[in-house]
Amino acid sequence: MNIFTDHTIKKLFYEILLSVLIFTVFSAVSLSYENAAPLIFTAALCMAGAIVLFCYVFFADSRPYWNVPLPKSSNAAEQIRPHGLHATMKAV
């Protein structure tokens, strides 16, 4: 897939995959304990926090790309066409 050619998004996917894998292994190991529910809940909160942190770092680093101004045009189809998308809109 073309999305994985960008190394920063590939790194983000690997970080998320690693955090889910660590959570799964920790949950499977903690099932042997008598009171495993609080451990698994805490691990789930830590995994969610890690994923939010990974996404925050990813989007904070890519922030300058969001400030690119759009071309001034009154027709939305003219703005879409240069990007290789072909859209047709019909009035209802």
PDB file of N, CA and C in Angstrom:
ATOM      1  N   MET A   1       0.835  -1.182   0.000  1.00  0.00           N
ATOM      2  CA  MET A   1       0.000   0.000   0.000  1.00  0.00           C
ATOM      3  C   MET A   1       0.881   1.247   0.000  1.00  0.00           C
ATOM      4  N   ASN A   2       0.395   2.282  -0.642  1.00  0.00           N
ATOM      5  CA  ASN A   2       1.159   3.516  -0.745  1.00  0.00           C
ATOM      6  C   ASN A   2       1.247   4.271   0.573  1.00  0.00           C
ATOM      7  N   ILE A   3       0.326   4.019   1.488  1.00  0.00           N
ATOM      8  CA  ILE A   3       0.344   4.760   2.746  1.00  0.00           C
ATOM      9  C   ILE A   3       1.575   4.404   3.576  1.00  0.00           C
ATOM     10  N   PHE A   4       2.111   3.199   3.407  1.00  0.00           N
ATOM     11  CA  PHE A   4       3.260   2.779   4.194  1.00  0.00           C
ATOM     12  C   PHE A   4       4.591   3.234   3.603  1.00  0.00           C
ATOM     13  N   THR A   5       4.576   4.000   2.525  1.00  0.00           N
ATOM     14  CA  THR A   5       5.828   4.543   2.009  1.00  0.00           C
ATOM     15  C   THR A   5       6.295   5.730   2.832  1.00  0.00           C
ATOM     16  N   ASP A   6       5.389   6.384   3.538  1.00  0.00           N
ATOM     17  CA  ASP A   6       5.757   7.477   4.421  1.00  0.00           C
ATOM     18  C   ASP A   6       6.266   6.875   5.733  1.00  0.00           C
ATOM     19  N   HIS A   7       7.509   7.158   6.080  1.00  0.00           N
ATOM     20  CA  HIS A   7       8.127   6.522   7.238  1.00  0.00           C
ATOM     21  C   HIS A   7       7.516   6.984   8.554  1.00  0.00           C
ATOM     22  N   THR A   8       6.997   8.194   8.606  1.00  0.00           N
ATOM     23  CA  THR A   8       6.422   8.667   9.864  1.00  0.00           C
ATOM     24  C   THR A   8       5.108   7.963  10.170  1.00  0.00           C
ATOM     25  N   ILE A   9       4.276   7.737   9.158  1.00  0.00           N
ATOM     26  CA  ILE A   9       3.014   7.027   9.406  1.00  0.00           C
ATOM     27  C   ILE A   9       3.283   5.549   9.663  1.00  0.00           C
ATOM     28  N   LYS A  10       4.311   5.008   9.016  1.00  0.00           N
ATOM     29  CA  LYS A  10       4.679   3.618   9.278  1.00  0.00           C
ATOM     30  C   LYS A  10       5.131   3.464  10.732  1.00  0.00           C
ATOM     31  N   LYS A  11       5.892   4.436  11.219  1.00  0.00           N
ATOM     32  CA  LYS A  11       6.338   4.407  12.613  1.00  0.00           C
ATOM     33  C   LYS A  11       5.142   4.494  13.560  1.00  0.00           C
ATOM     34  N   LEU A  12       4.162   5.337  13.233  1.00  0.00           N
ATOM     35  CA  LEU A  12       2.967   5.453  14.059  1.00  0.00           C
ATOM     36  C   LEU A  12       2.210   4.135  14.111  1.00  0.00           C
ATOM     37  N   PHE A  13       2.031   3.465  12.972  1.00  0.00           N
ATOM     38  CA  PHE A  13       1.339   2.184  12.953  1.00  0.00           C
ATOM     39  C   PHE A  13       2.104   1.129  13.755  1.00  0.00           C
ATOM     40  N   TYR A  14       3.422   1.117  13.652  1.00  0.00           N
ATOM     41  CA  TYR A  14       4.215   0.162  14.424  1.00  0.00           C
ATOM     42  C   TYR A  14       4.109   0.430  15.922  1.00  0.00           C
ATOM     43  N   GLU A  15       4.110   1.703  16.316  1.00  0.00           N
ATOM     44  CA  GLU A  15       3.980   2.031  17.734  1.00  0.00           C
ATOM     45  C   GLU A  15       2.624   1.595  18.283  1.00  0.00           C
ATOM     46  N   ILE A  16       1.565   1.831  17.517  1.00  0.00           N
ATOM     47  CA  ILE A  16       0.231   1.411  17.957  1.00  0.00           C
ATOM     48  C   ILE A  16       0.148  -0.109  18.008  1.00  0.00           C
ATOM     49  N   LEU A  17       0.678  -0.773  17.004  1.00  0.00           N
ATOM     50  CA  LEU A  17       0.665  -2.239  16.984  1.00  0.00           C
ATOM     51  C   LEU A  17       1.454  -2.804  18.160  1.00  0.00           C
ATOM     52  N   LEU A  18       2.595  -2.209  18.480  1.00  0.00           N
ATOM     53  CA  LEU A  18       3.400  -2.675  19.597  1.00  0.00           C
ATOM     54  C   LEU A  18       2.675  -2.486  20.927  1.00  0.00           C
ATOM     55  N   SER A  19       1.989  -1.355  21.093  1.00  0.00           N
ATOM     56  CA  SER A  19       1.272  -1.139  22.354  1.00  0.00           C
ATOM     57  C   SER A  19       0.106  -2.119  22.510  1.00  0.00           C
ATOM     58  N   VAL A  20      -0.591  -2.438  21.426  1.00  0.00           N
ATOM     59  CA  VAL A  20      -1.672  -3.424  21.490  1.00  0.00           C
ATOM     60  C   VAL A  20      -1.097  -4.819  21.772  1.00  0.00           C
ATOM     61  N   LEU A  21       0.032  -5.137  21.179  1.00  0.00           N
ATOM     62  CA  LEU A  21       0.662  -6.431  21.413  1.00  0.00           C
ATOM     63  C   LEU A  21       1.110  -6.567  22.867  1.00  0.00           C
ATOM     64  N   ILE A  22       1.720  -5.522  23.420  1.00  0.00           N
ATOM     65  CA  ILE A  22       2.145  -5.558  24.823  1.00  0.00           C
ATOM     66  C   ILE A  22       0.932  -5.709  25.740  1.00  0.00           C
ATOM     67  N   PHE A  23      -0.152  -4.995  25.433  1.00  0.00           N
ATOM     68  CA  PHE A  23      -1.366  -5.113  26.238  1.00  0.00           C
ATOM     69  C   PHE A  23      -1.924  -6.536  26.188  1.00  0.00           C
ATOM     70  N   THR A  24      -1.939  -7.130  25.016  1.00  0.00           N
ATOM     71  CA  THR A  24      -2.477  -8.481  24.864  1.00  0.00           C
ATOM     72  C   THR A  24      -1.645  -9.491  25.654  1.00  0.00           C
ATOM     73  N   VAL A  25      -0.329  -9.394  25.548  1.00  0.00           N
ATOM     74  CA  VAL A  25       0.544 -10.316  26.277  1.00  0.00           C
ATOM     75  C   VAL A  25       0.389 -10.108  27.776  1.00  0.00           C
ATOM     76  N   PHE A  26       0.366  -8.851  28.223  1.00  0.00           N
ATOM     77  CA  PHE A  26       0.205  -8.570  29.654  1.00  0.00           C
ATOM     78  C   PHE A  26      -1.135  -9.083  30.160  1.00  0.00           C
ATOM     79  N   SER A  27      -2.189  -8.924  29.382  1.00  0.00           N
ATOM     80  CA  SER A  27      -3.507  -9.410  29.797  1.00  0.00           C
ATOM     81  C   SER A  27      -3.532 -10.925  29.903  1.00  0.00           C
ATOM     82  N   ALA A  28      -2.904 -11.604  28.960  1.00  0.00           N
ATOM     83  CA  ALA A  28      -2.876 -13.064  28.993  1.00  0.00           C
ATOM     84  C   ALA A  28      -2.081 -13.567  30.200  1.00  0.00           C
ATOM     85  N   VAL A  29      -0.983 -12.887  30.534  1.00  0.00           N
ATOM     86  CA  VAL A  29      -0.178 -13.289  31.681  1.00  0.00           C
ATOM     87  C   VAL A  29      -0.902 -12.987  32.982  1.00  0.00           C
ATOM     88  N   SER A  30      -1.590 -11.847  33.048  1.00  0.00           N
ATOM     89  CA  SER A  30      -2.247 -11.460  34.297  1.00  0.00           C
ATOM     90  C   SER A  30      -3.513 -12.273  34.576  1.00  0.00           C
ATOM     91  N   LEU A  31      -3.994 -13.041  33.618  1.00  0.00           N
ATOM     92  CA  LEU A  31      -5.168 -13.882  33.861  1.00  0.00           C
ATOM     93  C   LEU A  31      -4.883 -14.996  34.862  1.00  0.00           C
ATOM     94  N   SER A  32      -3.617 -15.296  35.075  1.00  0.00           N
ATOM     95  CA  SER A  32      -3.278 -16.334  36.035  1.00  0.00           C
ATOM     96  C   SER A  32      -3.421 -15.852  37.476  1.00  0.00           C
ATOM     97  N   TYR A  33      -3.522 -14.547  37.686  1.00  0.00           N
ATOM     98  CA  TYR A  33      -3.706 -14.000  39.031  1.00  0.00           C
ATOM     99  C   TYR A  33      -5.173 -14.050  39.423  1.00  0.00           C
ATOM    100  N   GLU A  34      -5.407 -14.065  40.721  1.00  0.00           N
ATOM    101  CA  GLU A  34      -6.765 -14.179  41.226  1.00  0.00           C
ATOM    102  C   GLU A  34      -7.580 -12.927  40.940  1.00  0.00           C
ATOM    103  N   ASN A  35      -6.994 -11.759  41.124  1.00  0.00           N
ATOM    104  CA  ASN A  35      -7.702 -10.495  40.939  1.00  0.00           C
ATOM    105  C   ASN A  35      -7.131  -9.784  39.706  1.00  0.00           C
ATOM    106  N   ALA A  36      -7.454 -10.289  38.533  1.00  0.00           N
ATOM    107  CA  ALA A  36      -6.842  -9.797  37.299  1.00  0.00           C
ATOM    108  C   ALA A  36      -7.581  -8.602  36.700  1.00  0.00           C
ATOM    109  N   ALA A  37      -8.829  -8.391  37.058  1.00  0.00           N
ATOM    110  CA  ALA A  37      -9.617  -7.325  36.418  1.00  0.00           C
ATOM    111  C   ALA A  37      -9.014  -5.938  36.609  1.00  0.00           C
ATOM    112  N   PRO A  38      -8.584  -5.548  37.810  1.00  0.00           N
ATOM    113  CA  PRO A  38      -7.975  -4.211  37.939  1.00  0.00           C
ATOM    114  C   PRO A  38      -6.667  -4.081  37.165  1.00  0.00           C
ATOM    115  N   LEU A  39      -5.902  -5.177  37.102  1.00  0.00           N
ATOM    116  CA  LEU A  39      -4.654  -5.129  36.332  1.00  0.00           C
ATOM    117  C   LEU A  39      -4.921  -4.924  34.855  1.00  0.00           C
ATOM    118  N   ILE A  40      -5.886  -5.652  34.334  1.00  0.00           N
ATOM    119  CA  ILE A  40      -6.209  -5.532  32.905  1.00  0.00           C
ATOM    120  C   ILE A  40      -6.798  -4.154  32.610  1.00  0.00           C
ATOM    121  N   PHE A  41      -7.627  -3.638  33.517  1.00  0.00           N
ATOM    122  CA  PHE A  41      -8.191  -2.297  33.330  1.00  0.00           C
ATOM    123  C   PHE A  41      -7.097  -1.237  33.336  1.00  0.00           C
ATOM    124  N   THR A  42      -6.152  -1.351  34.259  1.00  0.00           N
ATOM    125  CA  THR A  42      -5.034  -0.404  34.312  1.00  0.00           C
ATOM    126  C   THR A  42      -4.173  -0.508  33.059  1.00  0.00           C
ATOM    127  N   ALA A  43      -3.945  -1.730  32.597  1.00  0.00           N
ATOM    128  CA  ALA A  43      -3.164  -1.914  31.370  1.00  0.00           C
ATOM    129  C   ALA A  43      -3.886  -1.321  30.167  1.00  0.00           C
ATOM    130  N   ALA A  44      -5.209  -1.448  30.139  1.00  0.00           N
ATOM    131  CA  ALA A  44      -5.977  -0.864  29.028  1.00  0.00           C
ATOM    132  C   ALA A  44      -5.886   0.664  29.056  1.00  0.00           C
ATOM    133  N   LEU A  45      -5.943   1.248  30.243  1.00  0.00           N
ATOM    134  CA  LEU A  45      -5.791   2.709  30.337  1.00  0.00           C
ATOM    135  C   LEU A  45      -4.398   3.149  29.907  1.00  0.00           C
ATOM    136  N   CYS A  46      -3.388   2.394  30.296  1.00  0.00           N
ATOM    137  CA  CYS A  46      -2.018   2.731  29.877  1.00  0.00           C
ATOM    138  C   CYS A  46      -1.854   2.600  28.364  1.00  0.00           C
ATOM    139  N   MET A  47      -2.459   1.566  27.780  1.00  0.00           N
ATOM    140  CA  MET A  47      -2.381   1.396  26.327  1.00  0.00           C
ATOM    141  C   MET A  47      -3.083   2.548  25.615  1.00  0.00           C
ATOM    142  N   ALA A  48      -4.258   2.930  26.101  1.00  0.00           N
ATOM    143  CA  ALA A  48      -4.985   4.041  25.482  1.00  0.00           C
ATOM    144  C   ALA A  48      -4.194   5.338  25.611  1.00  0.00           C
ATOM    145  N   GLY A  49      -3.593   5.565  26.763  1.00  0.00           N
ATOM    146  CA  GLY A  49      -2.767   6.761  26.941  1.00  0.00           C
ATOM    147  C   GLY A  49      -1.563   6.771  26.024  1.00  0.00           C
ATOM    148  N   ALA A  50      -0.945   5.603  25.847  1.00  0.00           N
ATOM    149  CA  ALA A  50       0.210   5.516  24.950  1.00  0.00           C
ATOM    150  C   ALA A  50      -0.196   5.793  23.508  1.00  0.00           C
ATOM    151  N   ILE A  51      -1.329   5.270  23.078  1.00  0.00           N
ATOM    152  CA  ILE A  51      -1.787   5.489  21.706  1.00  0.00           C
ATOM    153  C   ILE A  51      -2.119   6.967  21.485  1.00  0.00           C
ATOM    154  N   VAL A  52      -2.758   7.587  22.474  1.00  0.00           N
ATOM    155  CA  VAL A  52      -3.048   9.025  22.361  1.00  0.00           C
ATOM    156  C   VAL A  52      -1.752   9.822  22.287  1.00  0.00           C
ATOM    157  N   LEU A  53      -0.769   9.453  23.090  1.00  0.00           N
ATOM    158  CA  LEU A  53       0.522  10.142  23.065  1.00  0.00           C
ATOM    159  C   LEU A  53       1.217   9.965  21.719  1.00  0.00           C
ATOM    160  N   PHE A  54       1.196   8.750  21.171  1.00  0.00           N
ATOM    161  CA  PHE A  54       1.813   8.501  19.864  1.00  0.00           C
ATOM    162  C   PHE A  54       1.137   9.346  18.775  1.00  0.00           C
ATOM    163  N   CYS A  55      -0.192   9.398  18.801  1.00  0.00           N
ATOM    164  CA  CYS A  55      -0.923  10.182  17.799  1.00  0.00           C
ATOM    165  C   CYS A  55      -0.658  11.676  17.981  1.00  0.00           C
ATOM    166  N   TYR A  56      -0.578  12.133  19.228  1.00  0.00           N
ATOM    167  CA  TYR A  56      -0.299  13.553  19.484  1.00  0.00           C
ATOM    168  C   TYR A  56       1.074  13.935  18.931  1.00  0.00           C
ATOM    169  N   VAL A  57       2.068  13.100  19.188  1.00  0.00           N
ATOM    170  CA  VAL A  57       3.417  13.389  18.681  1.00  0.00           C
ATOM    171  C   VAL A  57       3.425  13.370  17.159  1.00  0.00           C
ATOM    172  N   PHE A  58       2.722  12.415  16.563  1.00  0.00           N
ATOM    173  CA  PHE A  58       2.676  12.335  15.101  1.00  0.00           C
ATOM    174  C   PHE A  58       2.050  13.581  14.497  1.00  0.00           C
ATOM    175  N   PHE A  59       0.894  14.004  15.024  1.00  0.00           N
ATOM    176  CA  PHE A  59       0.220  15.165  14.456  1.00  0.00           C
ATOM    177  C   PHE A  59       0.897  16.471  14.831  1.00  0.00           C
ATOM    178  N   ALA A  60       1.583  16.526  15.951  1.00  0.00           N
ATOM    179  CA  ALA A  60       2.321  17.743  16.312  1.00  0.00           C
ATOM    180  C   ALA A  60       3.510  17.936  15.383  1.00  0.00           C
ATOM    181  N   ASP A  61       4.142  16.830  14.961  1.00  0.00           N
ATOM    182  CA  ASP A  61       5.272  16.936  14.038  1.00  0.00           C
ATOM    183  C   ASP A  61       4.823  17.278  12.628  1.00  0.00           C
ATOM    184  N   SER A  62       3.615  16.883  12.237  1.00  0.00           N
ATOM    185  CA  SER A  62       3.145  17.137  10.871  1.00  0.00           C
ATOM    186  C   SER A  62       2.312  18.406  10.779  1.00  0.00           C
ATOM    187  N   ARG A  63       2.258  19.193  11.817  1.00  0.00           N
ATOM    188  CA  ARG A  63       1.446  20.410  11.854  1.00  0.00           C
ATOM    189  C   ARG A  63       1.792  21.424  10.756  1.00  0.00           C
ATOM    190  N   PRO A  64       3.061  21.656  10.398  1.00  0.00           N
ATOM    191  CA  PRO A  64       3.334  22.658   9.348  1.00  0.00           C
ATOM    192  C   PRO A  64       2.689  22.348   8.007  1.00  0.00           C
ATOM    193  N   TYR A  65       2.413  21.067   7.730  1.00  0.00           N
ATOM    194  CA  TYR A  65       1.806  20.713   6.457  1.00  0.00           C
ATOM    195  C   TYR A  65       0.336  21.114   6.402  1.00  0.00           C
ATOM    196  N   TRP A  66      -0.296  21.343   7.543  1.00  0.00           N
ATOM    197  CA  TRP A  66      -1.699  21.721   7.577  1.00  0.00           C
ATOM    198  C   TRP A  66      -1.902  23.179   7.226  1.00  0.00           C
ATOM    199  N   ASN A  67      -0.863  23.989   7.294  1.00  0.00           N
ATOM    200  CA  ASN A  67      -0.996  25.426   7.088  1.00  0.00           C
ATOM    201  C   ASN A  67      -0.812  25.842   5.635  1.00  0.00           C
ATOM    202  N   VAL A  68      -0.837  24.895   4.720  1.00  0.00           N
ATOM    203  CA  VAL A  68      -0.714  25.215   3.303  1.00  0.00           C
ATOM    204  C   VAL A  68      -2.048  25.797   2.838  1.00  0.00           C
ATOM    205  N   PRO A  69      -2.042  27.005   2.276  1.00  0.00           N
ATOM    206  CA  PRO A  69      -3.321  27.612   1.870  1.00  0.00           C
ATOM    207  C   PRO A  69      -3.918  26.903   0.661  1.00  0.00           C
ATOM    208  N   LEU A  70      -5.228  26.841   0.642  1.00  0.00           N
ATOM    209  CA  LEU A  70      -5.946  26.268  -0.490  1.00  0.00           C
ATOM    210  C   LEU A  70      -6.028  27.293  -1.610  1.00  0.00           C
ATOM    211  N   PRO A  71      -6.111  26.841  -2.849  1.00  0.00           N
ATOM    212  CA  PRO A  71      -6.232  27.795  -3.953  1.00  0.00           C
ATOM    213  C   PRO A  71      -7.559  28.545  -3.871  1.00  0.00           C
ATOM    214  N   LYS A  72      -7.522  29.813  -4.244  1.00  0.00           N
ATOM    215  CA  LYS A  72      -8.727  30.649  -4.217  1.00  0.00           C
ATOM    216  C   LYS A  72      -9.564  30.362  -5.452  1.00  0.00           C
ATOM    217  N   SER A  73     -10.705  29.749  -5.226  1.00  0.00           N
ATOM    218  CA  SER A  73     -11.608  29.446  -6.313  1.00  0.00           C
ATOM    219  C   SER A  73     -13.009  29.345  -5.738  1.00  0.00           C
ATOM    220  N   SER A  74     -13.973  29.790  -6.515  1.00  0.00           N
ATOM    221  CA  SER A  74     -15.343  29.717  -6.040  1.00  0.00           C
ATOM    222  C   SER A  74     -15.983  28.364  -6.358  1.00  0.00           C
ATOM    223  N   ASN A  75     -15.370  27.623  -7.259  1.00  0.00           N
ATOM    224  CA  ASN A  75     -15.920  26.339  -7.678  1.00  0.00           C
ATOM    225  C   ASN A  75     -15.165  25.209  -6.966  1.00  0.00           C
ATOM    226  N   ALA A  76     -15.880  24.403  -6.207  1.00  0.00           N
ATOM    227  CA  ALA A  76     -15.242  23.318  -5.451  1.00  0.00           C
ATOM    228  C   ALA A  76     -14.646  22.269  -6.379  1.00  0.00           C
ATOM    229  N   ALA A  77     -15.270  22.024  -7.525  1.00  0.00           N
ATOM    230  CA  ALA A  77     -14.755  21.022  -8.462  1.00  0.00           C
ATOM    231  C   ALA A  77     -13.400  21.438  -9.020  1.00  0.00           C
ATOM    232  N   GLU A  78     -13.169  22.722  -9.189  1.00  0.00           N
ATOM    233  CA  GLU A  78     -11.874  23.188  -9.677  1.00  0.00           C
ATOM    234  C   GLU A  78     -10.783  22.972  -8.631  1.00  0.00           C
ATOM    235  N   GLN A  79     -11.123  22.966  -7.359  1.00  0.00           N
ATOM    236  CA  GLN A  79     -10.150  22.719  -6.307  1.00  0.00           C
ATOM    237  C   GLN A  79      -9.823  21.234  -6.199  1.00  0.00           C
ATOM    238  N   ILE A  80     -10.788  20.371  -6.517  1.00  0.00           N
ATOM    239  CA  ILE A  80     -10.580  18.937  -6.379  1.00  0.00           C
ATOM    240  C   ILE A  80      -9.829  18.373  -7.577  1.00  0.00           C
ATOM    241  N   ARG A  81     -10.120  18.851  -8.769  1.00  0.00           N
ATOM    242  CA  ARG A  81      -9.571  18.291  -9.997  1.00  0.00           C
ATOM    243  C   ARG A  81      -8.046  18.256 -10.044  1.00  0.00           C
ATOM    244  N   PRO A  82      -7.301  19.259  -9.570  1.00  0.00           N
ATOM    245  CA  PRO A  82      -5.842  19.171  -9.654  1.00  0.00           C
ATOM    246  C   PRO A  82      -5.245  18.056  -8.801  1.00  0.00           C
ATOM    247  N   HIS A  83      -5.984  17.559  -7.841  1.00  0.00           N
ATOM    248  CA  HIS A  83      -5.463  16.515  -6.972  1.00  0.00           C
ATOM    249  C   HIS A  83      -5.735  15.121  -7.519  1.00  0.00           C
ATOM    250  N   GLY A  84      -6.256  15.008  -8.705  1.00  0.00           N
ATOM    251  CA  GLY A  84      -6.473  13.717  -9.325  1.00  0.00           C
ATOM    252  C   GLY A  84      -7.825  13.106  -9.004  1.00  0.00           C
ATOM    253  N   LEU A  85      -8.697  13.835  -8.356  1.00  0.00           N
ATOM    254  CA  LEU A  85     -10.020  13.329  -8.039  1.00  0.00           C
ATOM    255  C   LEU A  85     -11.026  13.940  -8.994  1.00  0.00           C
ATOM    256  N   HIS A  86     -11.964  13.160  -9.407  1.00  0.00           N
ATOM    257  CA  HIS A  86     -12.991  13.651 -10.311  1.00  0.00           C
ATOM    258  C   HIS A  86     -14.338  13.506  -9.615  1.00  0.00           C
ATOM    259  N   ALA A  87     -14.942  14.612  -9.321  1.00  0.00           N
ATOM    260  CA  ALA A  87     -16.208  14.588  -8.597  1.00  0.00           C
ATOM    261  C   ALA A  87     -17.268  15.295  -9.433  1.00  0.00           C
ATOM    262  N   THR A  88     -18.432  14.743  -9.387  1.00  0.00           N
ATOM    263  CA  THR A  88     -19.567  15.395 -10.030  1.00  0.00           C
ATOM    264  C   THR A  88     -20.609  15.660  -8.973  1.00  0.00           C
ATOM    265  N   MET A  89     -21.141  16.841  -8.982  1.00  0.00           N
ATOM    266  CA  MET A  89     -22.156  17.209  -8.009  1.00  0.00           C
ATOM    267  C   MET A  89     -23.415  17.615  -8.778  1.00  0.00           C
ATOM    268  N   LYS A  90     -24.535  17.079  -8.354  1.00  0.00           N
ATOM    269  CA  LYS A  90     -25.796  17.410  -8.998  1.00  0.00           C
ATOM    270  C   LYS A  90     -26.679  18.101  -7.977  1.00  0.00           C
ATOM    271  N   ALA A  91     -27.393  19.099  -8.433  1.00  0.00           N
ATOM    272  CA  ALA A  91     -28.320  19.794  -7.554  1.00  0.00           C
ATOM    273  C   ALA A  91     -29.529  18.915  -7.294  1.00  0.00           C
ATOM    274  N   VAL A  92     -29.993  18.918  -6.085  1.00  0.00           N
ATOM    275  CA  VAL A  92     -31.152  18.094  -5.720  1.00  0.00           C
ATOM    276  C   VAL A  92     -32.384  18.924  -5.756  1.00  0.00           C
TER     277      VAL A  92
END
